[in-house]
């Protein structure tokens, strides 16, 4: 049975903590209850760490709280199915406690297990997509449960079929395959000094230390994590940028494509630490916007659009929002 509430304050349900109210909030605690979901459009909310409510939300809001973790061991791998409402970082901790490795680079990423495939979360050289076996979903159009293989999910950098078609599927659980033959991934950024002999626990601890140093705690400084995606450009564009910015950091994606650091671009353009109507670019990580005292969503969109326009003018690169910015009824496109 769905627990339904009306006129619910949303500040505590999204980590940017703007004052807003949900007209209707439904709590989904079991996949079996999906058939009770409304026939009208609704928005699915996980941990609220990648969503910003800029104003009162008129569309029904479904908060997914499906819990539980099932472990299945095979000779070569672990197969783990986790409920979509499980906290992602706590899930990573649970795996480490059992000696199951592979997600240590993804420690302390905010949000839920169900939200992780939507963004194809990744950090420090590891993405979630290669570990996904199947995703269990509720088909909102055909009103039935389905199991989607990873190959059907169109995973790409911070993208998936769930992000491309946000109103079609509701993720109820995810099944991962984590091979027992584990190798550390320490080639990225601050992990390089750990070397190839690092243990999973050492990587886990270093990732947490780096993230806590670089990124503000949403409990202390409300934020939605990385506000913009790191742009992926051609090697030709990179070569052109290197003429003026020889030290520009980049990470190969393929032979012809590289990923740039959006935070570096924003910092180079002088935005680090700047504020607008209660919203500021974080002093330590220019990729993060923090809510100091904003009372409405206009402050967020105005600052974000100003940054986006400035980066386009200076570098010729169009930044895309990684966070999901909501108006009264739908996503707002910057």
Protein backbone atom coordinates (compact mmCIF):
# COMPACT_ATOMS: atom_id res chain seq x y z
CA UNK A 1 0.00 0.00 0.00
CA UNK A 2 1.39 3.38 -1.00
CA UNK A 3 1.77 5.94 1.75
CA UNK A 4 0.53 9.25 0.33
CA UNK A 5 1.05 12.74 1.74
CA UNK A 6 0.04 16.16 0.45
CA UNK A 7 1.65 19.60 0.63
CA UNK A 8 4.99 18.16 1.74
CA UNK A 9 7.99 20.48 2.31
CA UNK A 10 10.82 19.46 -0.02
CA UNK A 11 13.82 21.18 1.56
CA UNK A 12 14.77 18.01 3.46
CA UNK A 13 14.21 15.76 0.43
CA UNK A 14 16.79 17.32 -1.89
CA UNK A 15 20.33 18.19 -0.89
CA UNK A 16 20.28 21.70 -2.39
CA UNK A 17 17.54 22.44 0.16
CA UNK A 18 15.67 25.21 -1.64
CA UNK A 19 12.30 25.95 -0.02
CA UNK A 20 9.59 24.24 -2.07
CA UNK A 21 6.53 22.06 -1.55
CA UNK A 22 5.30 18.89 -3.26
CA UNK A 23 1.58 18.82 -3.95
CA UNK A 24 1.55 15.02 -3.60
CA UNK A 25 4.26 12.69 -2.31
CA UNK A 26 3.98 8.90 -2.58
CA UNK A 27 6.39 6.51 -0.84
CA UNK A 28 7.14 3.34 -2.82
CA UNK A 29 8.52 0.69 -0.45
CA UNK A 30 7.93 -2.46 -2.50
CA UNK A 31 8.13 -3.34 -6.19
CA UNK A 32 4.81 -5.14 -5.78
CA UNK A 33 3.14 -1.77 -5.13
CA UNK A 34 4.08 -0.32 -8.53
CA UNK A 35 0.64 -1.21 -9.87
CA UNK A 36 -0.84 1.33 -7.44
CA UNK A 37 1.13 4.22 -8.91
CA UNK A 38 -0.94 6.94 -10.59
CA UNK A 39 -1.83 6.68 -14.27
CA UNK A 40 -0.92 10.34 -14.71
CA UNK A 41 2.63 11.60 -15.05
CA UNK A 42 4.83 11.52 -11.95
CA UNK A 43 8.45 12.26 -11.07
CA UNK A 44 10.66 9.62 -9.44
CA UNK A 45 12.90 10.75 -6.60
CA UNK A 46 15.75 8.80 -5.02
CA UNK A 47 18.05 10.46 -2.52
CA UNK A 48 17.49 13.93 -3.94
CA UNK A 49 21.23 14.51 -4.38
CA UNK A 50 21.05 15.19 -8.12
CA UNK A 51 17.75 17.10 -8.19
CA UNK A 52 16.99 20.75 -7.51
CA UNK A 53 13.39 21.84 -6.91
CA UNK A 54 13.31 25.48 -7.97
CA UNK A 55 9.66 26.05 -7.03
CA UNK A 56 6.59 24.24 -5.69
CA UNK A 57 6.18 20.97 -7.57
CA UNK A 58 2.70 20.26 -8.95
CA UNK A 59 3.29 16.79 -10.45
CA UNK A 60 2.96 13.75 -8.12
CA UNK A 61 6.33 12.87 -6.63
CA UNK A 62 7.26 9.22 -6.02
CA UNK A 63 10.02 8.60 -3.50
CA UNK A 64 11.53 5.16 -4.04
CA UNK A 65 12.36 3.42 -0.75
CA UNK A 66 12.69 -0.20 -1.92
CA UNK A 67 15.35 -1.82 0.26
CA UNK A 68 17.19 -5.12 0.53
CA UNK A 69 20.40 -6.70 -0.78
CA UNK A 70 20.65 -10.28 -2.09
CA UNK A 71 24.02 -11.99 -2.53
CA UNK A 72 24.66 -14.90 -4.91
CA UNK A 73 28.13 -16.43 -5.18
CA UNK A 74 29.46 -18.23 -8.23
CA UNK A 75 32.95 -19.71 -8.70
CA UNK A 76 34.17 -16.61 -10.55
CA UNK A 77 32.00 -13.73 -9.37
CA UNK A 78 29.48 -12.27 -6.98
CA UNK A 79 26.00 -11.44 -8.24
CA UNK A 80 24.34 -8.86 -6.04
CA UNK A 81 20.80 -7.51 -6.37
CA UNK A 82 20.09 -4.30 -4.46
CA UNK A 83 16.83 -2.46 -3.98
CA UNK A 84 16.60 0.90 -5.72
CA UNK A 85 16.11 2.70 -2.41
CA UNK A 86 19.39 1.50 -0.90
CA UNK A 87 21.87 4.29 -0.12
CA UNK A 88 24.72 3.97 -2.62
CA UNK A 89 27.62 4.64 -0.24
CA UNK A 90 26.21 2.30 2.40
CA UNK A 91 25.85 -0.33 -0.32
CA UNK A 92 29.54 0.07 -1.22
CA UNK A 93 30.43 -0.27 2.47
CA UNK A 94 28.34 -3.45 2.78
CA UNK A 95 30.18 -5.01 -0.16
CA UNK A 96 33.60 -4.13 1.25
CA UNK A 97 32.63 -5.64 4.61
CA UNK A 98 31.98 -8.92 2.79
CA UNK A 99 35.23 -8.77 0.84
CA UNK A 100 33.50 -7.94 -2.45
CA UNK A 101 35.53 -5.43 -4.45
CA UNK A 102 35.02 -3.27 -7.52
CA UNK A 103 33.04 -0.26 -6.30
CA UNK A 104 35.64 1.22 -3.90
CA UNK A 105 36.42 4.03 -6.39
CA UNK A 106 32.75 5.02 -6.24
CA UNK A 107 32.69 5.52 -2.46
CA UNK A 108 30.84 8.49 -0.98
CA UNK A 109 28.91 9.26 -4.16
CA UNK A 110 25.57 10.57 -2.87
CA UNK A 111 22.25 9.09 -3.91
CA UNK A 112 20.64 5.68 -4.19
CA UNK A 113 21.28 2.43 -6.02
CA UNK A 114 18.29 3.11 -8.28
CA UNK A 115 19.60 6.50 -9.31
CA UNK A 116 23.11 5.21 -10.07
CA UNK A 117 22.34 3.66 -13.51
CA UNK A 118 20.35 6.71 -14.61
CA UNK A 119 23.50 8.83 -14.53
CA UNK A 120 25.86 5.92 -15.12
CA UNK A 121 27.77 7.21 -12.12
CA UNK A 122 31.53 7.17 -12.23
CA UNK A 123 34.58 8.48 -10.41
CA UNK A 124 38.35 7.98 -10.33
CA UNK A 125 38.52 5.82 -13.43
CA UNK A 126 35.53 3.56 -12.73
CA UNK A 127 31.98 3.66 -14.11
CA UNK A 128 29.07 1.58 -12.89
CA UNK A 129 27.86 0.37 -16.31
CA UNK A 130 30.37 -2.48 -16.87
CA UNK A 131 29.26 -4.09 -13.60
CA UNK A 132 25.53 -4.03 -14.32
CA UNK A 133 24.04 -7.38 -15.31
CA UNK A 134 20.34 -6.48 -15.44
CA UNK A 135 18.04 -3.75 -14.20
CA UNK A 136 14.58 -4.55 -12.87
CA UNK A 137 12.05 -1.88 -13.81
CA UNK A 138 8.39 -0.98 -13.78
CA UNK A 139 7.29 -0.07 -17.31
CA UNK A 140 5.16 3.00 -16.72
CA UNK A 141 3.67 2.88 -20.20
CA UNK A 142 2.68 -0.79 -20.37
CA UNK A 143 2.11 -1.16 -16.61
CA UNK A 144 4.24 -4.24 -16.10
CA UNK A 145 7.54 -5.38 -14.58
CA UNK A 146 10.46 -5.91 -16.96
CA UNK A 147 14.09 -6.96 -16.71
CA UNK A 148 16.45 -5.00 -18.95
CA UNK A 149 19.90 -6.31 -19.84
CA UNK A 150 22.75 -3.83 -19.56
CA UNK A 151 23.09 -3.84 -23.35
CA UNK A 152 19.57 -2.44 -23.65
CA UNK A 153 20.28 0.56 -21.44
CA UNK A 154 22.36 2.68 -23.86
CA UNK A 155 24.97 3.52 -21.25
CA UNK A 156 27.33 6.37 -22.08
CA UNK A 157 29.17 9.04 -20.14
CA UNK A 158 26.69 10.23 -17.48
CA UNK A 159 23.88 8.96 -19.66
CA UNK A 160 21.49 6.04 -20.14
CA UNK A 161 18.15 5.11 -21.64
CA UNK A 162 16.58 6.07 -18.30
CA UNK A 163 17.88 9.62 -18.61
CA UNK A 164 16.96 9.81 -22.30
CA UNK A 165 13.38 8.66 -21.58
CA UNK A 166 12.73 9.81 -18.00
CA UNK A 167 9.01 9.04 -18.01
CA UNK A 168 9.16 5.46 -19.26
CA UNK A 169 10.74 3.26 -16.57
CA UNK A 170 10.96 3.23 -12.79
CA UNK A 171 13.95 1.26 -11.51
CA UNK A 172 13.02 -1.11 -8.66
CA UNK A 173 16.33 -2.96 -8.23
CA UNK A 174 19.68 -3.50 -9.92
CA UNK A 175 21.68 -6.71 -10.30
CA UNK A 176 25.45 -6.31 -10.44
CA UNK A 177 28.18 -8.80 -11.34
CA UNK A 178 31.47 -8.23 -9.52
CA UNK A 179 34.30 -10.59 -10.58
CA UNK A 180 36.31 -12.23 -7.83
CA UNK A 181 39.46 -11.59 -9.87
CA UNK A 182 39.99 -7.98 -8.81
CA UNK A 183 42.56 -5.43 -9.90
CA UNK A 184 42.99 -1.97 -8.36
CA UNK A 185 42.21 1.07 -10.51
CA UNK A 186 44.64 3.77 -9.37
CA UNK A 187 45.53 5.53 -12.62
CA UNK A 188 43.25 8.51 -12.05
CA UNK A 189 44.18 11.75 -10.29
CA UNK A 190 44.97 11.56 -6.61
CA UNK A 191 44.92 7.75 -6.61
CA UNK A 192 48.06 7.43 -8.70
CA UNK A 193 50.36 7.66 -5.69
CA UNK A 194 48.73 4.51 -4.24
CA UNK A 195 50.24 2.43 -7.02
CA UNK A 196 49.31 -0.92 -8.50
CA UNK A 197 49.61 -2.81 -5.21
CA UNK A 198 46.89 -0.83 -3.41
CA UNK A 199 44.19 -2.76 -1.58
CA UNK A 200 40.49 -2.09 -2.07
CA UNK A 201 40.31 -0.67 1.45
CA UNK A 202 43.18 1.72 0.76
CA UNK A 203 41.47 2.97 -2.39
CA UNK A 204 38.17 3.30 -0.54
CA UNK A 205 39.78 5.34 2.24
CA UNK A 206 41.72 7.56 -0.16
CA UNK A 207 38.64 8.27 -2.28
CA UNK A 208 36.69 9.28 0.82
CA UNK A 209 39.52 11.52 2.01
CA UNK A 210 39.82 13.24 -1.37
CA UNK A 211 36.08 13.73 -1.78
CA UNK A 212 35.70 15.10 1.73
CA UNK A 213 38.52 17.56 1.09
CA UNK A 214 37.31 18.69 -2.32
CA UNK A 215 33.54 18.50 -2.06
CA UNK A 216 31.30 20.23 0.47
CA UNK A 217 29.16 18.10 2.77
CA UNK A 218 25.50 18.71 1.76
CA UNK A 219 24.54 18.54 5.44
CA UNK A 220 26.72 21.58 6.13
CA UNK A 221 26.63 23.38 2.77
CA UNK A 222 23.57 22.45 0.71
CA UNK A 223 24.57 21.39 -2.80
CA UNK A 224 23.74 18.91 -5.54
CA UNK A 225 27.26 17.68 -6.26
CA UNK A 226 28.79 18.27 -9.68
CA UNK A 227 26.51 20.80 -11.34
CA UNK A 228 27.87 20.40 -14.86
CA UNK A 229 29.07 17.40 -16.85
CA UNK A 230 32.70 17.23 -17.84
CA UNK A 231 32.52 18.02 -21.58
CA UNK A 232 33.72 15.45 -24.11
CA UNK A 233 35.33 17.00 -27.19
CA UNK A 234 37.33 15.90 -30.22
CA UNK A 235 41.10 15.77 -30.19
CA UNK A 236 40.99 18.54 -32.81
CA UNK A 237 39.18 20.84 -30.38
CA UNK A 238 41.68 19.88 -27.68
CA UNK A 239 44.60 20.82 -29.93
CA UNK A 240 43.04 24.21 -30.60
CA UNK A 241 42.53 24.83 -26.87
CA UNK A 242 46.11 23.78 -26.08
CA UNK A 243 47.45 26.65 -28.16
CA UNK A 244 46.19 29.10 -25.55
CA UNK A 245 45.99 26.74 -22.58
CA UNK A 246 48.89 24.26 -22.79
CA UNK A 247 48.21 22.97 -19.26
CA UNK A 248 44.53 22.16 -19.84
CA UNK A 249 43.80 18.80 -18.18
CA UNK A 250 42.16 16.09 -20.27
CA UNK A 251 41.36 12.39 -20.09
CA UNK A 252 41.24 10.16 -23.19
CA UNK A 253 37.84 8.63 -23.96
CA UNK A 254 38.71 7.12 -27.35
CA UNK A 255 41.27 7.70 -30.08
CA UNK A 256 39.37 10.75 -31.29
CA UNK A 257 37.65 12.00 -28.13
CA UNK A 258 38.82 13.38 -24.78
CA UNK A 259 37.07 14.50 -21.61
CA UNK A 260 37.85 17.95 -20.21
CA UNK A 261 37.49 19.05 -16.60
CA UNK A 262 34.52 21.39 -16.38
CA UNK A 263 35.70 22.58 -12.95
CA UNK A 264 39.04 23.64 -14.44
CA UNK A 265 37.29 25.62 -17.19
CA UNK A 266 35.04 27.36 -14.65
CA UNK A 267 37.96 28.14 -12.35
CA UNK A 268 40.10 29.47 -15.21
CA UNK A 269 37.23 31.75 -16.18
CA UNK A 270 37.28 33.34 -12.73
CA UNK A 271 34.04 31.96 -11.29
CA UNK A 272 35.47 30.16 -8.27
CA UNK A 273 34.02 31.66 -5.09
CA UNK A 274 31.64 34.04 -6.87
CA UNK A 275 28.04 34.26 -5.67
CA UNK A 276 24.66 35.46 -6.89
CA UNK A 277 21.57 35.98 -4.74
CA UNK A 278 22.53 33.36 -2.18
CA UNK A 279 24.00 30.75 -4.57
CA UNK A 280 27.79 30.48 -4.87
CA UNK A 281 30.48 28.62 -6.78
CA UNK A 282 32.27 26.58 -4.14
CA UNK A 283 35.66 27.92 -3.05
CA UNK A 284 37.43 24.54 -3.30
CA UNK A 285 35.61 22.92 -6.22
CA UNK A 286 34.36 25.17 -9.00
CA UNK A 287 32.15 22.39 -10.40
CA UNK A 288 29.88 22.61 -7.35
CA UNK A 289 27.28 25.30 -6.66
CA UNK A 290 26.29 25.73 -3.01
CA UNK A 291 23.14 27.19 -1.53
CA UNK A 292 24.13 29.78 1.04
CA UNK A 293 20.82 31.57 1.49
CA UNK A 294 18.81 31.34 -1.75
CA UNK A 295 15.05 31.51 -1.38
CA UNK A 296 14.07 30.61 -4.94
CA UNK A 297 15.31 28.73 -7.97
CA UNK A 298 15.92 31.80 -10.12
CA UNK A 299 19.20 32.40 -8.31
CA UNK A 300 20.37 28.92 -9.35
CA UNK A 301 19.39 29.12 -13.01
CA UNK A 302 20.68 32.68 -13.39
CA UNK A 303 24.12 31.82 -12.01
CA UNK A 304 24.29 28.55 -13.95
CA UNK A 305 23.34 30.26 -17.21
CA UNK A 306 25.86 33.04 -16.60
CA UNK A 307 28.61 30.45 -16.11
CA UNK A 308 27.50 28.46 -19.14
CA UNK A 309 27.45 31.54 -21.37
CA UNK A 310 30.83 32.72 -20.14
CA UNK A 311 32.48 29.34 -20.78
CA UNK A 312 30.99 29.18 -24.28
CA UNK A 313 32.29 32.64 -25.08
CA UNK A 314 35.80 32.06 -23.77
CA UNK A 315 36.46 28.42 -24.68
CA UNK A 316 33.83 27.68 -27.33
CA UNK A 317 32.49 24.80 -25.22
CA UNK A 318 28.85 24.28 -24.27
CA UNK A 319 28.49 22.99 -20.72
CA UNK A 320 25.57 20.68 -19.95
CA UNK A 321 23.91 20.44 -16.56
CA UNK A 322 24.48 17.17 -14.72
CA UNK A 323 21.87 17.98 -12.08
CA UNK A 324 18.17 17.73 -12.83
CA UNK A 325 16.56 21.14 -12.38
CA UNK A 326 12.79 21.04 -11.90
CA UNK A 327 10.18 23.73 -12.41
CA UNK A 328 6.51 23.39 -11.48
CA UNK A 329 5.89 20.40 -13.74
CA UNK A 330 8.96 19.50 -15.77
CA UNK A 331 12.71 19.66 -16.18
CA UNK A 332 14.22 23.05 -16.87
CA UNK A 333 16.81 23.15 -19.64
CA UNK A 334 19.59 25.68 -19.18
